[in-house]
Amino acid sequence: MSAMGTLRAALVLTALTVILLGGVYPLAVWGIGHAAFASRSEGSLVYRGNTVVGSSLIGQRFTSDKYFHGRPSAAGKDGYDAAASGGSNLGPTSKALADRVSADRLSLLGTDGPNPPNDLLTTSASGLDPHISPEAARYQIPRVLRARPDVDRAALEGLIARHTEQRTLGLLGEQRVNVLALNFELDSLH
């Protein structure tokens, strides 16, 4: 084969590869994902009426006492920045980490009571974990009750139980509560 023939074959193969792997394959994956998992492929968005209030996959900052709070976040300058997902990279001997955890512990002791669960003191690897443990949710009940005197303890415990997701396939991960979904339904109690 001549040099021109080799060049032509290489260009044709490159063009076919670009079309297949850069166009056909991504469109096929998108189409299958959209057909089989419509909500998830669109970002698992949560709506209040016609307004998007968040995603069930990305944690949000809740600061009001009338809401359940999620894990602390180190994603971005102010936390919960989906464009800057990631942990703080502070190790177990870091004074900055120890100071932040101590400050968070003191804050929780002042508002929610003694012995806060670890997931209310530690960040996740992504900084965007939308879940807390059922224990962390139950720990916050007294604060939420004080801020919402028209809601009773049994109603909050029922909400937490309804929003407690089980281990994936019965063995992967831990039980967890989606904070956005929990707070969304908490608002609908009124």
Foldseek 3Di string as FASTA:
>chain_A
DDPVVVVVVVVVVVVVCCCVVVPVVVVVVLVVCCVPPVCVSVQQFDDDVPHTPGHLAFADADDDLLAQGFAAFPQDDRFRDQVRWFHPPADPPHPVLVVQLVVQQVVCCVQQNPDQDVRNRDADGRSTGQKDALSNQLSSQVSNCVVPVVDDPVVSNVLSVVQWDQAVVNDHDHTIGRRVVSRVVSVVVD
